[in-house]
């Protein structure tokens, strides 16, 4: 008993003076806390292989005072080592054997790109908004590359803005942190709708006139060239989805201006209107 105590004291002193920082974790994805120390020794061990040949295998021996279990891992020198055997012959001293070929490397970061397939009309645009995930957490302000398979069908800018050029299908590949995500792009023919601006072509000064996009659709609007407003040709009384009411300001002579109709960002019609002095 006294001999074991002497051995324990010698090893304890050696670990305090020469021990290397280690961590003991249950899982290889646990946080690393170098709160323990161990003497680390390397040796070759003769092992009989499956073909009955004797060969040397690398093995590491960790001598520590901390209790360890077979389902735990030792983290040392930037790698995880799986426990193969434990010698606890001397009380409170643990000799832990780990084979070199059983090292479990540090966790590799997992990257994911989330984006659905897209569909757009010829002549229209759509902004790609991929979701970038690192180990299950969304990453913002990433730098990635977009590559389109067929630039005749559509093109894609560096910022992920896609333009529909010709009816057909193609793919866009996104590359980020060494991984890729491919999405299918379907470009449809533009719906042929003849829009027009309903309302009179001429109205008198000091009177009002109302104009409407026909057919009426959501996200539509009527606009005037800002220069016509700045020159006091007309004044906007009210403006709603696809409808605008104008007031003809007092004028020295008949003056014309152009009213433009938009659906979304696409100009679909225009109309020249005269404000009469008389």
Protein backbone atom coordinates (compact mmCIF):
# COMPACT_ATOMS: atom_id res chain seq x y z
CA UNK A 1 0.00 0.00 0.00
CA UNK A 2 2.84 2.38 0.93
CA UNK A 3 4.59 1.48 -2.35
CA UNK A 4 1.47 2.39 -4.35
CA UNK A 5 1.24 5.68 -2.47
CA UNK A 6 4.87 6.46 -3.29
CA UNK A 7 4.28 5.67 -6.98
CA UNK A 8 1.16 7.86 -6.94
CA UNK A 9 3.08 10.81 -5.45
CA UNK A 10 5.88 10.46 -8.02
CA UNK A 11 3.42 10.34 -10.94
CA UNK A 12 1.38 13.20 -9.52
CA UNK A 13 4.52 15.35 -9.28
CA UNK A 14 5.54 14.38 -12.85
CA UNK A 15 2.09 15.31 -14.21
CA UNK A 16 2.19 18.65 -12.42
CA UNK A 17 5.66 19.44 -13.81
CA UNK A 18 5.61 17.81 -17.25
CA UNK A 19 2.00 16.98 -18.04
CA UNK A 20 0.43 18.23 -21.25
CA UNK A 21 -3.02 19.89 -21.36
CA UNK A 22 -5.84 17.53 -22.38
CA UNK A 23 -9.63 17.49 -22.37
CA UNK A 24 -11.98 14.58 -21.77
CA UNK A 25 -15.27 14.64 -23.66
CA UNK A 26 -18.14 12.24 -24.11
CA UNK A 27 -18.82 13.42 -27.68
CA UNK A 28 -16.43 14.67 -30.33
CA UNK A 29 -18.63 17.71 -30.95
CA UNK A 30 -18.42 18.89 -27.33
CA UNK A 31 -16.78 22.15 -26.40
CA UNK A 32 -13.07 21.80 -25.64
CA UNK A 33 -11.97 22.70 -22.10
CA UNK A 34 -8.32 21.95 -21.34
CA UNK A 35 -8.95 21.49 -17.64
CA UNK A 36 -6.84 18.34 -17.17
CA UNK A 37 -3.23 17.22 -17.64
CA UNK A 38 -1.56 13.94 -18.54
CA UNK A 39 1.83 12.47 -19.32
CA UNK A 40 1.79 11.48 -22.97
CA UNK A 41 3.98 8.69 -24.27
CA UNK A 42 4.30 7.18 -27.73
CA UNK A 43 5.33 3.63 -28.54
CA UNK A 44 5.17 0.91 -31.17
CA UNK A 45 3.27 -2.19 -30.18
CA UNK A 46 3.60 -5.58 -31.82
CA UNK A 47 0.18 -6.76 -33.04
CA UNK A 48 -0.79 -9.91 -34.93
CA UNK A 49 -2.73 -8.99 -38.05
CA UNK A 50 -5.51 -10.98 -39.79
CA UNK A 51 -3.01 -12.71 -42.07
CA UNK A 52 -1.08 -13.97 -39.01
CA UNK A 53 1.75 -11.48 -39.59
CA UNK A 54 3.27 -9.59 -36.68
CA UNK A 55 3.39 -5.87 -37.32
CA UNK A 56 4.04 -2.72 -35.33
CA UNK A 57 1.18 -0.36 -34.70
CA UNK A 58 1.37 3.18 -33.33
CA UNK A 59 -0.08 3.63 -29.87
CA UNK A 60 -0.36 6.51 -27.43
CA UNK A 61 -0.34 6.17 -23.65
CA UNK A 62 -1.93 8.89 -21.52
CA UNK A 63 -1.06 8.68 -17.81
CA UNK A 64 -3.45 10.76 -15.71
CA UNK A 65 -5.03 11.11 -12.31
CA UNK A 66 -8.51 11.76 -13.68
CA UNK A 67 -10.98 8.93 -13.99
CA UNK A 68 -12.02 8.13 -17.56
CA UNK A 69 -14.51 5.74 -19.16
CA UNK A 70 -14.39 3.67 -22.31
CA UNK A 71 -17.08 5.76 -24.05
CA UNK A 72 -15.12 8.99 -23.59
CA UNK A 73 -12.53 10.65 -25.82
CA UNK A 74 -9.23 12.36 -25.05
CA UNK A 75 -8.62 15.61 -26.90
CA UNK A 76 -4.89 16.34 -27.28
CA UNK A 77 -2.68 17.96 -29.89
CA UNK A 78 -5.66 19.09 -32.05
CA UNK A 79 -7.30 15.67 -32.39
CA UNK A 80 -9.65 13.31 -30.57
CA UNK A 81 -8.30 9.92 -29.43
CA UNK A 82 -10.64 7.02 -28.74
CA UNK A 83 -9.94 4.99 -25.62
CA UNK A 84 -8.87 1.38 -26.38
CA UNK A 85 -7.95 0.13 -22.90
CA UNK A 86 -7.52 1.45 -19.36
CA UNK A 87 -5.02 0.18 -16.75
CA UNK A 88 -6.06 1.11 -13.21
CA UNK A 89 -3.84 -1.39 -11.41
CA UNK A 90 -2.42 1.36 -9.19
CA UNK A 91 -5.30 3.11 -7.39
CA UNK A 92 -6.12 6.64 -8.63
CA UNK A 93 -3.70 6.34 -11.55
CA UNK A 94 -5.14 5.76 -15.02
CA UNK A 95 -3.02 4.51 -17.90
CA UNK A 96 -5.15 5.06 -20.99
CA UNK A 97 -4.13 3.43 -24.28
CA UNK A 98 -5.25 4.92 -27.58
CA UNK A 99 -4.26 3.57 -31.00
CA UNK A 100 -3.06 6.12 -33.53
CA UNK A 101 -5.38 4.74 -36.22
CA UNK A 102 -8.35 5.38 -33.98
CA UNK A 103 -7.88 9.14 -33.90
CA UNK A 104 -11.14 10.97 -34.48
CA UNK A 105 -10.41 14.27 -36.23
CA UNK A 106 -11.92 17.53 -35.14
CA UNK A 107 -15.45 18.24 -36.25
CA UNK A 108 -15.70 19.43 -39.85
CA UNK A 109 -17.97 22.42 -40.36
CA UNK A 110 -21.13 21.62 -42.30
CA UNK A 111 -22.33 24.15 -44.86
CA UNK A 112 -25.79 24.17 -46.45
CA UNK A 113 -27.45 26.33 -49.13
CA UNK A 114 -31.26 26.46 -49.17
CA UNK A 115 -33.02 27.76 -52.30
CA UNK A 116 -36.07 26.58 -54.26
CA UNK A 117 -36.37 26.34 -58.04
CA UNK A 118 -37.58 29.55 -59.71
CA UNK A 119 -39.91 30.52 -62.55
CA UNK A 120 -40.14 33.88 -64.34
CA UNK A 121 -41.44 35.45 -67.54
CA UNK A 122 -39.40 36.51 -70.53
CA UNK A 123 -38.27 40.10 -69.95
CA UNK A 124 -38.81 39.97 -66.19
CA UNK A 125 -36.34 39.66 -63.33
CA UNK A 126 -36.23 37.83 -60.03
CA UNK A 127 -33.80 38.17 -57.13
CA UNK A 128 -32.27 34.98 -55.76
CA UNK A 129 -32.29 34.95 -51.96
CA UNK A 130 -30.50 31.77 -50.85
CA UNK A 131 -30.29 30.90 -47.18
CA UNK A 132 -26.75 30.01 -46.12
CA UNK A 133 -26.32 27.75 -43.08
CA UNK A 134 -23.17 26.83 -41.16
CA UNK A 135 -23.68 24.03 -38.66
CA UNK A 136 -27.41 24.78 -38.58
CA UNK A 137 -26.99 28.54 -38.02
CA UNK A 138 -27.84 31.06 -40.74
CA UNK A 139 -24.90 33.10 -42.05
CA UNK A 140 -25.42 36.64 -43.35
CA UNK A 141 -23.39 38.74 -45.83
CA UNK A 142 -21.75 35.79 -47.57
CA UNK A 143 -19.59 35.83 -50.69
CA UNK A 144 -20.65 33.29 -53.31
CA UNK A 145 -20.46 32.61 -57.04
CA UNK A 146 -23.38 32.13 -59.44
CA UNK A 147 -22.97 30.14 -62.66
CA UNK A 148 -25.77 29.76 -65.21
CA UNK A 149 -25.80 26.79 -67.56
CA UNK A 150 -27.46 28.45 -70.56
CA UNK A 151 -27.05 32.23 -70.87
CA UNK A 152 -29.35 32.24 -73.92
CA UNK A 153 -32.31 31.32 -71.71
CA UNK A 154 -31.44 33.61 -68.78
CA UNK A 155 -28.54 35.41 -67.17
CA UNK A 156 -27.56 35.89 -63.55
CA UNK A 157 -25.55 38.79 -62.14
CA UNK A 158 -22.98 38.66 -59.34
CA UNK A 159 -25.67 39.82 -56.91
CA UNK A 160 -28.03 36.95 -57.85
CA UNK A 161 -30.43 38.96 -59.98
CA UNK A 162 -31.84 36.67 -62.71
CA UNK A 163 -33.15 38.02 -66.04
CA UNK A 164 -35.46 35.96 -68.25
CA UNK A 165 -34.28 36.21 -71.87
CA UNK A 166 -35.87 33.38 -73.86
CA UNK A 167 -38.50 30.73 -73.19
CA UNK A 168 -36.93 27.53 -71.91
CA UNK A 169 -35.26 25.86 -68.92
CA UNK A 170 -31.77 26.08 -67.50
CA UNK A 171 -29.97 25.81 -64.14
CA UNK A 172 -28.04 28.12 -61.85
CA UNK A 173 -25.27 26.72 -59.64
CA UNK A 174 -24.29 28.52 -56.44
CA UNK A 175 -20.85 27.88 -54.98
CA UNK A 176 -20.11 28.80 -51.37
CA UNK A 177 -17.45 27.52 -48.97
CA UNK A 178 -16.65 24.61 -51.27
CA UNK A 179 -20.23 23.34 -51.59
CA UNK A 180 -22.67 23.80 -54.47
CA UNK A 181 -26.41 24.14 -54.84
CA UNK A 182 -28.13 23.83 -58.23
CA UNK A 183 -31.59 25.32 -58.84
CA UNK A 184 -33.75 24.91 -61.94
CA UNK A 185 -34.88 28.03 -63.79
CA UNK A 186 -38.04 27.97 -65.92
CA UNK A 187 -38.47 30.97 -68.24
CA UNK A 188 -42.05 31.36 -69.51
CA UNK A 189 -43.32 33.45 -72.42
CA UNK A 190 -44.59 36.88 -71.40
CA UNK A 191 -48.35 37.01 -70.98
CA UNK A 192 -49.70 39.10 -73.84
CA UNK A 193 -52.09 41.66 -72.37
CA UNK A 194 -52.78 44.94 -74.12
CA UNK A 195 -52.89 47.59 -71.44
CA UNK A 196 -54.26 51.03 -72.13
CA UNK A 197 -54.91 54.24 -70.23
CA UNK A 198 -58.58 55.15 -70.01
CA UNK A 199 -59.34 58.89 -69.84
CA UNK A 200 -59.71 61.93 -72.06
CA UNK A 201 -56.90 63.11 -74.33
CA UNK A 202 -57.52 66.78 -73.48
CA UNK A 203 -58.88 68.72 -70.52
CA UNK A 204 -59.05 72.38 -69.58
CA UNK A 205 -56.92 74.29 -67.16
CA UNK A 206 -58.41 74.72 -63.67
CA UNK A 207 -60.27 71.39 -64.06
CA UNK A 208 -59.63 67.81 -63.01
CA UNK A 209 -59.34 64.60 -65.02
CA UNK A 210 -59.07 60.99 -63.83
CA UNK A 211 -57.17 58.24 -65.65
CA UNK A 212 -57.14 54.48 -65.06
CA UNK A 213 -55.08 51.51 -66.26
CA UNK A 214 -57.23 49.04 -68.19
CA UNK A 215 -57.33 46.14 -67.43
CA UNK A 216 -56.84 47.00 -63.78
CA UNK A 217 -54.25 44.78 -62.03
CA UNK A 218 -52.54 44.78 -58.64
CA UNK A 219 -49.22 46.57 -58.30
CA UNK A 220 -50.06 48.94 -61.18
CA UNK A 221 -49.61 52.70 -61.21
CA UNK A 222 -49.72 55.80 -63.40
CA UNK A 223 -46.81 58.22 -63.41
CA UNK A 224 -45.92 61.54 -65.03
CA UNK A 225 -42.50 62.66 -66.12
CA UNK A 226 -41.22 64.74 -63.15
CA UNK A 227 -40.35 67.61 -65.49
CA UNK A 228 -44.05 68.10 -66.33
CA UNK A 229 -44.86 68.47 -62.66
CA UNK A 230 -41.90 70.78 -62.03
CA UNK A 231 -43.07 73.02 -64.90
CA UNK A 232 -46.47 73.29 -63.21
CA UNK A 233 -48.32 71.68 -66.13
CA UNK A 234 -50.40 69.54 -63.78
CA UNK A 235 -50.85 68.79 -60.13
CA UNK A 236 -51.53 65.30 -58.70
CA UNK A 237 -54.76 65.39 -56.68
CA UNK A 238 -54.94 61.71 -55.76
CA UNK A 239 -53.24 58.47 -56.72
CA UNK A 240 -54.21 54.88 -56.02
CA UNK A 241 -53.45 51.45 -57.46
CA UNK A 242 -53.76 52.02 -61.22
CA UNK A 243 -55.72 55.29 -60.93
CA UNK A 244 -54.59 58.95 -60.86
CA UNK A 245 -56.52 62.25 -60.73
CA UNK A 246 -54.83 65.37 -62.10
CA UNK A 247 -55.55 69.09 -61.93
CA UNK A 248 -54.67 71.33 -64.89
CA UNK A 249 -52.72 74.32 -63.61
CA UNK A 250 -53.34 77.79 -65.14
CA UNK A 251 -51.28 78.04 -68.34
CA UNK A 252 -50.21 80.67 -70.91
CA UNK A 253 -50.78 78.24 -73.78
CA UNK A 254 -51.92 74.70 -74.48
CA UNK A 255 -49.37 72.27 -73.01
CA UNK A 256 -49.01 68.51 -73.45
CA UNK A 257 -47.53 65.89 -71.15
CA UNK A 258 -47.20 62.11 -71.18
CA UNK A 259 -48.82 59.75 -68.71
CA UNK A 260 -47.05 56.40 -68.26
CA UNK A 261 -48.62 53.15 -67.03
CA UNK A 262 -46.60 50.55 -65.09
CA UNK A 263 -47.35 47.06 -63.86
CA UNK A 264 -44.68 46.24 -61.32
CA UNK A 265 -41.45 47.59 -62.80
CA UNK A 266 -42.56 47.12 -66.41
CA UNK A 267 -43.89 50.03 -68.48
CA UNK A 268 -46.99 48.75 -70.28
CA UNK A 269 -48.59 51.85 -71.86
CA UNK A 270 -48.31 55.61 -72.37
CA UNK A 271 -50.70 58.39 -73.32
CA UNK A 272 -50.09 61.98 -74.50
CA UNK A 273 -52.52 64.41 -72.86
CA UNK A 274 -53.11 68.11 -73.54
CA UNK A 275 -54.04 70.70 -70.95
CA UNK A 276 -55.90 73.45 -72.78
CA UNK A 277 -55.70 77.13 -71.88
CA UNK A 278 -59.28 77.63 -73.11
